[in-house]
Amino acid sequence: DNIPVRSTLFCGQSPDAFNLKNFIDMINGLSDEQKRSITG
């Protein structure tokens, strides 16, 4: 259906890193529906 421009595409790896306080706030604010859609 489409061939995206390769230069705009990146493979996600790990680690990921965050300010912990902000990360806690984001985690606690997620709905159950949002959690189910998260893959990374």
PDB file of all heavy atoms in Angstrom:
ATOM      1  N   ASP A   1       0.818  -1.211   0.000  1.00  0.00           N
ATOM      2  CA  ASP A   1       0.000   0.000   0.000  1.00  0.00           C
ATOM      3  C   ASP A   1       0.853   1.263   0.000  1.00  0.00           C
ATOM      4  O   ASP A   1       0.457   2.291  -0.538  1.00  0.00           O
ATOM      5  CB  ASP A   1      -0.919   0.028   1.227  1.00  0.00           C
ATOM      6  CG  ASP A   1      -1.882  -1.137   1.258  1.00  0.00           C
ATOM      7  OD1 ASP A   1      -2.459  -1.454   0.203  1.00  0.00           O
ATOM      8  OD2 ASP A   1      -2.052  -1.739   2.337  1.00  0.00           O
ATOM      9  N   ASN A   2       2.031   1.172   0.617  1.00  0.00           N
ATOM     10  CA  ASN A   2       2.858   2.369   0.745  1.00  0.00           C
ATOM     11  C   ASN A   2       4.290   1.949   1.036  1.00  0.00           C
ATOM     12  O   ASN A   2       4.547   0.897   1.616  1.00  0.00           O
ATOM     13  CB  ASN A   2       2.328   3.250   1.890  1.00  0.00           C
ATOM     14  CG  ASN A   2       3.084   4.557   2.020  1.00  0.00           C
ATOM     15  OD1 ASN A   2       3.457   5.172   1.017  1.00  0.00           O
ATOM     16  ND2 ASN A   2       3.325   4.991   3.241  1.00  0.00           N
ATOM     17  N   ILE A   3       5.233   2.776   0.572  1.00  0.00           N
ATOM     18  CA  ILE A   3       6.645   2.578   0.888  1.00  0.00           C
ATOM     19  C   ILE A   3       7.140   3.847   1.575  1.00  0.00           C
ATOM     20  O   ILE A   3       7.409   4.857   0.901  1.00  0.00           O
ATOM     21  CB  ILE A   3       7.476   2.281  -0.374  1.00  0.00           C
ATOM     22  CG1 ILE A   3       6.927   1.044  -1.091  1.00  0.00           C
ATOM     23  CG2 ILE A   3       8.944   2.077  -0.001  1.00  0.00           C
ATOM     24  CD1 ILE A   3       7.653   0.708  -2.383  1.00  0.00           C
ATOM     25  N   PRO A   4       7.211   3.847   2.908  1.00  0.00           N
ATOM     26  CA  PRO A   4       7.638   5.050   3.635  1.00  0.00           C
ATOM     27  C   PRO A   4       9.073   5.437   3.282  1.00  0.00           C
ATOM     28  O   PRO A   4       9.883   4.600   2.873  1.00  0.00           O
ATOM     29  CB  PRO A   4       7.528   4.643   5.104  1.00  0.00           C
ATOM     30  CG  PRO A   4       6.633   3.448   5.113  1.00  0.00           C
ATOM     31  CD  PRO A   4       6.875   2.744   3.820  1.00  0.00           C
ATOM     32  N   VAL A   5       9.364   6.713   3.451  1.00  0.00           N
ATOM     33  CA  VAL A   5      10.717   7.216   3.211  1.00  0.00           C
ATOM     34  C   VAL A   5      11.648   6.628   4.263  1.00  0.00           C
ATOM     35  O   VAL A   5      11.463   6.842   5.478  1.00  0.00           O
ATOM     36  CB  VAL A   5      10.749   8.763   3.272  1.00  0.00           C
ATOM     37  CG1 VAL A   5      12.179   9.268   3.065  1.00  0.00           C
ATOM     38  CG2 VAL A   5       9.816   9.349   2.228  1.00  0.00           C
ATOM     39  N   ARG A   6      12.622   5.864   3.818  1.00  0.00           N
ATOM     40  CA  ARG A   6      13.467   5.109   4.740  1.00  0.00           C
ATOM     41  C   ARG A   6      14.219   6.008   5.709  1.00  0.00           C
ATOM     42  O   ARG A   6      14.455   5.636   6.871  1.00  0.00           O
ATOM     43  CB  ARG A   6      14.444   4.247   3.950  1.00  0.00           C
ATOM     44  CG  ARG A   6      15.259   3.303   4.818  1.00  0.00           C
ATOM     45  CD  ARG A   6      16.048   2.319   3.980  1.00  0.00           C
ATOM     46  NE  ARG A   6      16.932   2.991   3.042  1.00  0.00           N
ATOM     47  CZ  ARG A   6      17.614   2.375   2.093  1.00  0.00           C
ATOM     48  NH1 ARG A   6      17.482   1.075   1.934  1.00  0.00           N
ATOM     49  NH2 ARG A   6      18.406   3.046   1.285  1.00  0.00           N
ATOM     50  N   SER A   7      14.607   7.179   5.276  1.00  0.00           N
ATOM     51  CA  SER A   7      15.411   8.058   6.136  1.00  0.00           C
ATOM     52  C   SER A   7      14.631   8.560   7.349  1.00  0.00           C
ATOM     53  O   SER A   7      15.224   9.100   8.284  1.00  0.00           O
ATOM     54  CB  SER A   7      15.933   9.251   5.329  1.00  0.00           C
ATOM     55  OG  SER A   7      14.858  10.029   4.825  1.00  0.00           O
ATOM     56  N   THR A   8      13.314   8.383   7.337  1.00  0.00           N
ATOM     57  CA  THR A   8      12.495   8.820   8.478  1.00  0.00           C
ATOM     58  C   THR A   8      12.161   7.665   9.426  1.00  0.00           C
ATOM     59  O   THR A   8      11.445   7.862  10.412  1.00  0.00           O
ATOM     60  CB  THR A   8      11.181   9.445   7.991  1.00  0.00           C
ATOM     61  OG1 THR A   8      10.359   8.429   7.382  1.00  0.00           O
ATOM     62  CG2 THR A   8      11.434  10.552   6.987  1.00  0.00           C
ATOM     63  N   LEU A   9      12.680   6.475   9.136  1.00  0.00           N
ATOM     64  CA  LEU A   9      12.320   5.295   9.914  1.00  0.00           C
ATOM     65  C   LEU A   9      13.496   4.803  10.758  1.00  0.00           C
ATOM     66  O   LEU A   9      14.636   4.769  10.297  1.00  0.00           O
ATOM     67  CB  LEU A   9      11.859   4.168   8.986  1.00  0.00           C
ATOM     68  CG  LEU A   9      10.652   4.472   8.104  1.00  0.00           C
ATOM     69  CD1 LEU A   9      10.388   3.311   7.158  1.00  0.00           C
ATOM     70  CD2 LEU A   9       9.424   4.768   8.949  1.00  0.00           C
ATOM     71  N   PHE A  10      13.196   4.411  11.982  1.00  0.00           N
ATOM     72  CA  PHE A  10      14.213   3.930  12.913  1.00  0.00           C
ATOM     73  C   PHE A  10      13.687   2.710  13.652  1.00  0.00           C
ATOM     74  O   PHE A  10      12.501   2.625  13.966  1.00  0.00           O
ATOM     75  CB  PHE A  10      14.584   5.016  13.929  1.00  0.00           C
ATOM     76  CG  PHE A  10      15.220   6.226  13.319  1.00  0.00           C
ATOM     77  CD1 PHE A  10      14.442   7.216  12.731  1.00  0.00           C
ATOM     78  CD2 PHE A  10      16.599   6.377  13.311  1.00  0.00           C
ATOM     79  CE1 PHE A  10      15.027   8.333  12.146  1.00  0.00           C
ATOM     80  CE2 PHE A  10      17.193   7.491  12.732  1.00  0.00           C
ATOM     81  CZ  PHE A  10      16.409   8.469  12.146  1.00  0.00           C
ATOM     82  N   CYS A  11      14.583   1.778  13.930  1.00  0.00           N
ATOM     83  CA  CYS A  11      14.233   0.620  14.748  1.00  0.00           C
ATOM     84  C   CYS A  11      14.373   0.987  16.225  1.00  0.00           C
ATOM     85  O   CYS A  11      15.418   1.478  16.640  1.00  0.00           O
ATOM     86  CB  CYS A  11      15.159  -0.551  14.443  1.00  0.00           C
ATOM     87  SG  CYS A  11      15.017  -1.197  12.775  1.00  0.00           S
ATOM     88  N   GLY A  12      13.325   0.748  16.980  1.00  0.00           N
ATOM     89  CA  GLY A  12      13.398   0.977  18.412  1.00  0.00           C
ATOM     90  C   GLY A  12      14.156  -0.146  19.094  1.00  0.00           C
ATOM     91  O   GLY A  12      13.947  -1.321  18.799  1.00  0.00           O
ATOM     92  N   GLN A  13      15.063   0.213  19.988  1.00  0.00           N
ATOM     93  CA  GLN A  13      15.808  -0.761  20.767  1.00  0.00           C
ATOM     94  C   GLN A  13      15.560  -0.480  22.252  1.00  0.00           C
ATOM     95  O   GLN A  13      14.591   0.177  22.616  1.00  0.00           O
ATOM     96  CB  GLN A  13      17.302  -0.676  20.428  1.00  0.00           C
ATOM     97  CG  GLN A  13      17.618  -0.936  18.966  1.00  0.00           C
ATOM     98  CD  GLN A  13      19.114  -0.870  18.660  1.00  0.00           C
ATOM     99  OE1 GLN A  13      19.925  -0.421  19.458  1.00  0.00           O
ATOM    100  NE2 GLN A  13      19.479  -1.323  17.464  1.00  0.00           N
ATOM    101  N   SER A  14      16.371  -1.012  23.094  1.00  0.00           N
ATOM    102  CA  SER A  14      16.402  -0.604  24.494  1.00  0.00           C
ATOM    103  C   SER A  14      17.878  -0.500  24.882  1.00  0.00           C
ATOM    104  O   SER A  14      18.726  -1.078  24.201  1.00  0.00           O
ATOM    105  CB  SER A  14      15.655  -1.606  25.397  1.00  0.00           C
ATOM    106  OG  SER A  14      16.371  -2.800  25.568  1.00  0.00           O
ATOM    107  N   PRO A  15      18.199   0.300  25.899  1.00  0.00           N
ATOM    108  CA  PRO A  15      17.302   0.798  26.926  1.00  0.00           C
ATOM    109  C   PRO A  15      16.527   2.050  26.528  1.00  0.00           C
ATOM    110  O   PRO A  15      16.919   2.778  25.617  1.00  0.00           O
ATOM    111  CB  PRO A  15      18.255   1.131  28.076  1.00  0.00           C
ATOM    112  CG  PRO A  15      19.550   1.503  27.393  1.00  0.00           C
ATOM    113  CD  PRO A  15      19.629   0.589  26.202  1.00  0.00           C
ATOM    114  N   ASP A  16      15.405   2.230  27.233  1.00  0.00           N
ATOM    115  CA  ASP A  16      14.716   3.510  27.308  1.00  0.00           C
ATOM    116  C   ASP A  16      15.043   4.094  28.676  1.00  0.00           C
ATOM    117  O   ASP A  16      15.336   3.358  29.617  1.00  0.00           O
ATOM    118  CB  ASP A  16      13.204   3.331  27.190  1.00  0.00           C
ATOM    119  CG  ASP A  16      12.807   2.683  25.877  1.00  0.00           C
ATOM    120  OD1 ASP A  16      12.831   3.381  24.858  1.00  0.00           O
ATOM    121  OD2 ASP A  16      12.461   1.481  25.884  1.00  0.00           O
ATOM    122  N   ALA A  17      14.984   5.410  28.787  1.00  0.00           N
ATOM    123  CA  ALA A  17      15.291   6.036  30.072  1.00  0.00           C
ATOM    124  C   ALA A  17      14.427   7.275  30.260  1.00  0.00           C
ATOM    125  O   ALA A  17      14.062   7.946  29.286  1.00  0.00           O
ATOM    126  CB  ALA A  17      16.778   6.392  30.164  1.00  0.00           C
ATOM    127  N   PHE A  18      14.120   7.566  31.531  1.00  0.00           N
ATOM    128  CA  PHE A  18      13.193   8.652  31.836  1.00  0.00           C
ATOM    129  C   PHE A  18      13.531   9.291  33.175  1.00  0.00           C
ATOM    130  O   PHE A  18      14.143   8.655  34.049  1.00  0.00           O
ATOM    131  CB  PHE A  18      11.749   8.120  31.938  1.00  0.00           C
ATOM    132  CG  PHE A  18      11.324   7.266  30.785  1.00  0.00           C
ATOM    133  CD1 PHE A  18      11.558   5.895  30.805  1.00  0.00           C
ATOM    134  CD2 PHE A  18      10.699   7.819  29.674  1.00  0.00           C
ATOM    135  CE1 PHE A  18      11.175   5.093  29.741  1.00  0.00           C
ATOM    136  CE2 PHE A  18      10.318   7.029  28.611  1.00  0.00           C
ATOM    137  CZ  PHE A  18      10.556   5.671  28.636  1.00  0.00           C
ATOM    138  N   ASN A  19      13.103  10.537  33.330  1.00  0.00           N
ATOM    139  CA  ASN A  19      13.037  11.109  34.667  1.00  0.00           C
ATOM    140  C   ASN A  19      12.022  10.273  35.447  1.00  0.00           C
ATOM    141  O   ASN A  19      10.883  10.100  35.005  1.00  0.00           O
ATOM    142  CB  ASN A  19      12.588  12.563  34.606  1.00  0.00           C
ATOM    143  CG  ASN A  19      12.358  13.163  35.972  1.00  0.00           C
ATOM    144  OD1 ASN A  19      11.305  12.980  36.569  1.00  0.00           O
ATOM    145  ND2 ASN A  19      13.335  13.899  36.461  1.00  0.00           N
ATOM    146  N   LEU A  20      12.422   9.727  36.574  1.00  0.00           N
ATOM    147  CA  LEU A  20      11.592   8.749  37.267  1.00  0.00           C
ATOM    148  C   LEU A  20      10.268   9.344  37.757  1.00  0.00           C
ATOM    149  O   LEU A  20       9.206   8.716  37.612  1.00  0.00           O
ATOM    150  CB  LEU A  20      12.362   8.135  38.444  1.00  0.00           C
ATOM    151  CG  LEU A  20      11.606   7.114  39.291  1.00  0.00           C
ATOM    152  CD1 LEU A  20      11.012   6.003  38.443  1.00  0.00           C
ATOM    153  CD2 LEU A  20      12.519   6.532  40.363  1.00  0.00           C
ATOM    154  N   LYS A  21      10.316  10.543  38.325  1.00  0.00           N
ATOM    155  CA  LYS A  21       9.072  11.141  38.824  1.00  0.00           C
ATOM    156  C   LYS A  21       8.066  11.335  37.696  1.00  0.00           C
ATOM    157  O   LYS A  21       6.872  11.033  37.839  1.00  0.00           O
ATOM    158  CB  LYS A  21       9.367  12.470  39.523  1.00  0.00           C
ATOM    159  CG  LYS A  21       9.607  12.352  41.012  1.00  0.00           C
ATOM    160  CD  LYS A  21       9.464  13.678  41.713  1.00  0.00           C
ATOM    161  CE  LYS A  21       9.462  13.472  43.225  1.00  0.00           C
ATOM    162  NZ  LYS A  21       9.308  14.761  43.955  1.00  0.00           N
ATOM    163  N   ASN A  22       8.542  11.839  36.574  1.00  0.00           N
ATOM    164  CA  ASN A  22       7.643  12.046  35.434  1.00  0.00           C
ATOM    165  C   ASN A  22       7.118  10.717  34.898  1.00  0.00           C
ATOM    166  O   ASN A  22       5.947  10.608  34.506  1.00  0.00           O
ATOM    167  CB  ASN A  22       8.370  12.806  34.325  1.00  0.00           C
ATOM    168  CG  ASN A  22       8.708  14.226  34.699  1.00  0.00           C
ATOM    169  OD1 ASN A  22       8.156  14.768  35.663  1.00  0.00           O
ATOM    170  ND2 ASN A  22       9.613  14.845  33.960  1.00  0.00           N
ATOM    171  N   PHE A  23       7.987   9.719  34.898  1.00  0.00           N
ATOM    172  CA  PHE A  23       7.582   8.399  34.400  1.00  0.00           C
ATOM    173  C   PHE A  23       6.501   7.797  35.300  1.00  0.00           C
ATOM    174  O   PHE A  23       5.523   7.218  34.809  1.00  0.00           O
ATOM    175  CB  PHE A  23       8.804   7.481  34.346  1.00  0.00           C
ATOM    176  CG  PHE A  23       8.566   6.172  33.650  1.00  0.00           C
ATOM    177  CD1 PHE A  23       8.276   6.132  32.294  1.00  0.00           C
ATOM    178  CD2 PHE A  23       8.639   4.976  34.349  1.00  0.00           C
ATOM    179  CE1 PHE A  23       8.070   4.918  31.638  1.00  0.00           C
ATOM    180  CE2 PHE A  23       8.435   3.758  33.712  1.00  0.00           C
ATOM    181  CZ  PHE A  23       8.136   3.733  32.359  1.00  0.00           C
ATOM    182  N   ILE A  24       6.667   7.930  36.592  1.00  0.00           N
ATOM    183  CA  ILE A  24       5.655   7.434  37.525  1.00  0.00           C
ATOM    184  C   ILE A  24       4.320   8.115  37.275  1.00  0.00           C
ATOM    185  O   ILE A  24       3.263   7.460  37.234  1.00  0.00           O
ATOM    186  CB  ILE A  24       6.117   7.650  38.983  1.00  0.00           C
ATOM    187  CG1 ILE A  24       7.275   6.702  39.313  1.00  0.00           C
ATOM    188  CG2 ILE A  24       4.955   7.440  39.957  1.00  0.00           C
ATOM    189  CD1 ILE A  24       7.902   6.954  40.680  1.00  0.00           C
ATOM    190  N   ASP A  25       4.341   9.426  37.092  1.00  0.00           N
ATOM    191  CA  ASP A  25       3.100  10.161  36.835  1.00  0.00           C
ATOM    192  C   ASP A  25       2.431   9.674  35.551  1.00  0.00           C
ATOM    193  O   ASP A  25       1.205   9.525  35.498  1.00  0.00           O
ATOM    194  CB  ASP A  25       3.382  11.661  36.734  1.00  0.00           C
ATOM    195  CG  ASP A  25       3.730  12.291  38.078  1.00  0.00           C
ATOM    196  OD1 ASP A  25       3.420  11.666  39.116  1.00  0.00           O
ATOM    197  OD2 ASP A  25       4.325  13.388  38.088  1.00  0.00           O
ATOM    198  N   MET A  26       3.228   9.427  34.505  1.00  0.00           N
ATOM    199  CA  MET A  26       2.662   8.964  33.245  1.00  0.00           C
ATOM    200  C   MET A  26       2.081   7.557  33.393  1.00  0.00           C
ATOM    201  O   MET A  26       0.979   7.275  32.907  1.00  0.00           O
ATOM    202  CB  MET A  26       3.722   8.994  32.138  1.00  0.00           C
ATOM    203  CG  MET A  26       4.094  10.386  31.673  1.00  0.00           C
ATOM    204  SD  MET A  26       5.098  10.421  30.164  1.00  0.00           S
ATOM    205  CE  MET A  26       6.658   9.767  30.784  1.00  0.00           C
ATOM    206  N   ILE A  27       2.808   6.682  34.067  1.00  0.00           N
ATOM    207  CA  ILE A  27       2.329   5.309  34.275  1.00  0.00           C
ATOM    208  C   ILE A  27       1.007   5.321  35.036  1.00  0.00           C
ATOM    209  O   ILE A  27       0.030   4.640  34.665  1.00  0.00           O
ATOM    210  CB  ILE A  27       3.376   4.477  35.045  1.00  0.00           C
ATOM    211  CG1 ILE A  27       4.562   4.121  34.148  1.00  0.00           C
ATOM    212  CG2 ILE A  27       2.741   3.218  35.622  1.00  0.00           C
ATOM    213  CD1 ILE A  27       4.271   3.058  33.111  1.00  0.00           C
ATOM    214  N   ASN A  28       0.959   6.079  36.098  1.00  0.00           N
ATOM    215  CA  ASN A  28      -0.239   6.098  36.940  1.00  0.00           C
ATOM    216  C   ASN A  28      -1.429   6.763  36.260  1.00  0.00           C
ATOM    217  O   ASN A  28      -2.573   6.562  36.678  1.00  0.00           O
ATOM    218  CB  ASN A  28       0.061   6.790  38.273  1.00  0.00           C
ATOM    219  CG  ASN A  28       0.978   5.968  39.158  1.00  0.00           C
ATOM    220  OD1 ASN A  28       1.074   4.756  39.007  1.00  0.00           O
ATOM    221  ND2 ASN A  28       1.660   6.626  40.084  1.00  0.00           N
ATOM    222  N   GLY A  29      -1.174   7.550  35.236  1.00  0.00           N
ATOM    223  CA  GLY A  29      -2.255   8.227  34.538  1.00  0.00           C
ATOM    224  C   GLY A  29      -2.838   7.453  33.366  1.00  0.00           C
ATOM    225  O   GLY A  29      -3.812   7.884  32.742  1.00  0.00           O
ATOM    226  N   LEU A  30      -2.261   6.295  33.052  1.00  0.00           N
ATOM    227  CA  LEU A  30      -2.731   5.508  31.912  1.00  0.00           C
ATOM    228  C   LEU A  30      -4.054   4.802  32.228  1.00  0.00           C
ATOM    229  O   LEU A  30      -4.243   4.264  33.324  1.00  0.00           O
ATOM    230  CB  LEU A  30      -1.695   4.448  31.535  1.00  0.00           C
ATOM    231  CG  LEU A  30      -0.366   4.933  30.951  1.00  0.00           C
ATOM    232  CD1 LEU A  30       0.596   3.755  30.816  1.00  0.00           C
ATOM    233  CD2 LEU A  30      -0.572   5.600  29.597  1.00  0.00           C
ATOM    234  N   SER A  31      -4.937   4.802  31.257  1.00  0.00           N
ATOM    235  CA  SER A  31      -6.160   4.012  31.381  1.00  0.00           C
ATOM    236  C   SER A  31      -5.849   2.557  31.033  1.00  0.00           C
ATOM    237  O   SER A  31      -4.803   2.257  30.429  1.00  0.00           O
ATOM    238  CB  SER A  31      -7.232   4.547  30.444  1.00  0.00           C
ATOM    239  OG  SER A  31      -6.857   4.335  29.085  1.00  0.00           O
ATOM    240  N   ASP A  32      -6.747   1.646  31.388  1.00  0.00           N
ATOM    241  CA  ASP A  32      -6.559   0.244  31.038  1.00  0.00           C
ATOM    242  C   ASP A  32      -6.499   0.068  29.529  1.00  0.00           C
ATOM    243  O   ASP A  32      -5.703  -0.742  29.013  1.00  0.00           O
ATOM    244  CB  ASP A  32      -7.691  -0.605  31.615  1.00  0.00           C
ATOM    245  CG  ASP A  32      -7.601  -0.737  33.125  1.00  0.00           C
ATOM    246  OD1 ASP A  32      -6.505  -0.522  33.682  1.00  0.00           O
ATOM    247  OD2 ASP A  32      -8.634  -1.045  33.748  1.00  0.00           O
ATOM    248  N   GLU A  33      -7.292   0.826  28.801  1.00  0.00           N
ATOM    249  CA  GLU A  33      -7.282   0.736  27.338  1.00  0.00           C
ATOM    250  C   GLU A  33      -5.948   1.191  26.773  1.00  0.00           C
ATOM    251  O   GLU A  33      -5.412   0.568  25.844  1.00  0.00           O
ATOM    252  CB  GLU A  33      -8.419   1.580  26.754  1.00  0.00           C
ATOM    253  CG  GLU A  33      -8.519   1.514  25.240  1.00  0.00           C
ATOM    254  CD  GLU A  33      -9.655   2.358  24.690  1.00  0.00           C
ATOM    255  OE1 GLU A  33     -10.379   2.984  25.491  1.00  0.00           O
ATOM    256  OE2 GLU A  33      -9.820   2.387  23.455  1.00  0.00           O
ATOM    257  N   GLN A  34      -5.399   2.258  27.316  1.00  0.00           N
ATOM    258  CA  GLN A  34      -4.098   2.737  26.855  1.00  0.00           C
ATOM    259  C   GLN A  34      -3.007   1.715  27.153  1.00  0.00           C
ATOM    260  O   GLN A  34      -2.136   1.458  26.310  1.00  0.00           O
ATOM    261  CB  GLN A  34      -3.775   4.077  27.526  1.00  0.00           C
ATOM    262  CG  GLN A  34      -4.603   5.240  26.994  1.00  0.00           C
ATOM    263  CD  GLN A  34      -4.388   6.511  27.791  1.00  0.00           C
ATOM    264  OE1 GLN A  34      -4.174   6.465  29.012  1.00  0.00           O
ATOM    265  NE2 GLN A  34      -4.460   7.651  27.135  1.00  0.00           N
ATOM    266  N   LYS A  35      -3.053   1.112  28.325  1.00  0.00           N
ATOM    267  CA  LYS A  35      -2.054   0.098  28.681  1.00  0.00           C
ATOM    268  C   LYS A  35      -2.069  -1.057  27.689  1.00  0.00           C
ATOM    269  O   LYS A  35      -1.030  -1.589  27.306  1.00  0.00           O
ATOM    270  CB  LYS A  35      -2.301  -0.417  30.095  1.00  0.00           C
ATOM    271  CG  LYS A  35      -1.963   0.571  31.194  1.00  0.00           C
ATOM    272  CD  LYS A  35      -2.267  -0.014  32.568  1.00  0.00           C
ATOM    273  CE  LYS A  35      -1.967   0.989  33.667  1.00  0.00           C
ATOM    274  NZ  LYS A  35      -2.306   0.446  35.018  1.00  0.00           N
ATOM    275  N   ARG A  36      -3.247  -1.464  27.273  1.00  0.00           N
ATOM    276  CA  ARG A  36      -3.371  -2.619  26.373  1.00  0.00           C
ATOM    277  C   ARG A  36      -2.807  -2.316  24.984  1.00  0.00           C
ATOM    278  O   ARG A  36      -2.474  -3.233  24.231  1.00  0.00           O
ATOM    279  CB  ARG A  36      -4.825  -3.052  26.251  1.00  0.00           C
ATOM    280  CG  ARG A  36      -5.465  -3.524  27.546  1.00  0.00           C
ATOM    281  CD  ARG A  36      -5.009  -4.917  27.965  1.00  0.00           C
ATOM    282  NE  ARG A  36      -3.644  -5.003  28.470  1.00  0.00           N
ATOM    283  CZ  ARG A  36      -3.269  -4.700  29.705  1.00  0.00           C
ATOM    284  NH1 ARG A  36      -4.162  -4.282  30.586  1.00  0.00           N
ATOM    285  NH2 ARG A  36      -2.021  -4.827  30.082  1.00  0.00           N
ATOM    286  N   SER A  37      -2.692  -1.045  24.631  1.00  0.00           N
ATOM    287  CA  SER A  37      -2.200  -0.685  23.300  1.00  0.00           C
ATOM    288  C   SER A  37      -0.694  -0.478  23.273  1.00  0.00           C
ATOM    289  O   SER A  37      -0.108  -0.304  22.202  1.00  0.00           O
ATOM    290  CB  SER A  37      -2.893   0.593  22.813  1.00  0.00           C
ATOM    291  OG  SER A  37      -2.478   1.722  23.571  1.00  0.00           O
ATOM    292  N   ILE A  38      -0.045  -0.504  24.437  1.00  0.00           N
ATOM    293  CA  ILE A  38       1.388  -0.234  24.526  1.00  0.00           C
ATOM    294  C   ILE A  38       2.176  -1.503  24.235  1.00  0.00           C
ATOM    295  O   ILE A  38       1.924  -2.558  24.812  1.00  0.00           O
ATOM    296  CB  ILE A  38       1.750   0.306  25.923  1.00  0.00           C
ATOM    297  CG1 ILE A  38       1.153   1.712  26.104  1.00  0.00           C
ATOM    298  CG2 ILE A  38       3.257   0.341  26.129  1.00  0.00           C
ATOM    299  CD1 ILE A  38       1.264   2.242  27.514  1.00  0.00           C
ATOM    300  N   THR A  39       3.129  -1.395  23.324  1.00  0.00           N
ATOM    301  CA  THR A  39       3.970  -2.538  22.978  1.00  0.00           C
ATOM    302  C   THR A  39       5.421  -2.338  23.406  1.00  0.00           C
ATOM    303  O   THR A  39       6.174  -3.317  23.504  1.00  0.00           O
ATOM    304  CB  THR A  39       3.933  -2.806  21.464  1.00  0.00           C
ATOM    305  OG1 THR A  39       4.363  -1.624  20.767  1.00  0.00           O
ATOM    306  CG2 THR A  39       2.516  -3.158  21.019  1.00  0.00           C
ATOM    307  N   GLY A  40       5.830  -1.108  23.611  1.00  0.00           N
ATOM    308  CA  GLY A  40       7.198  -0.822  24.021  1.00  0.00           C
ATOM    309  C   GLY A  40       7.214  -0.135  25.371  1.00  0.00           C
ATOM    310  O   GLY A  40       6.484  -0.504  26.279  1.00  0.00           O
TER     311      GLY A  40
END
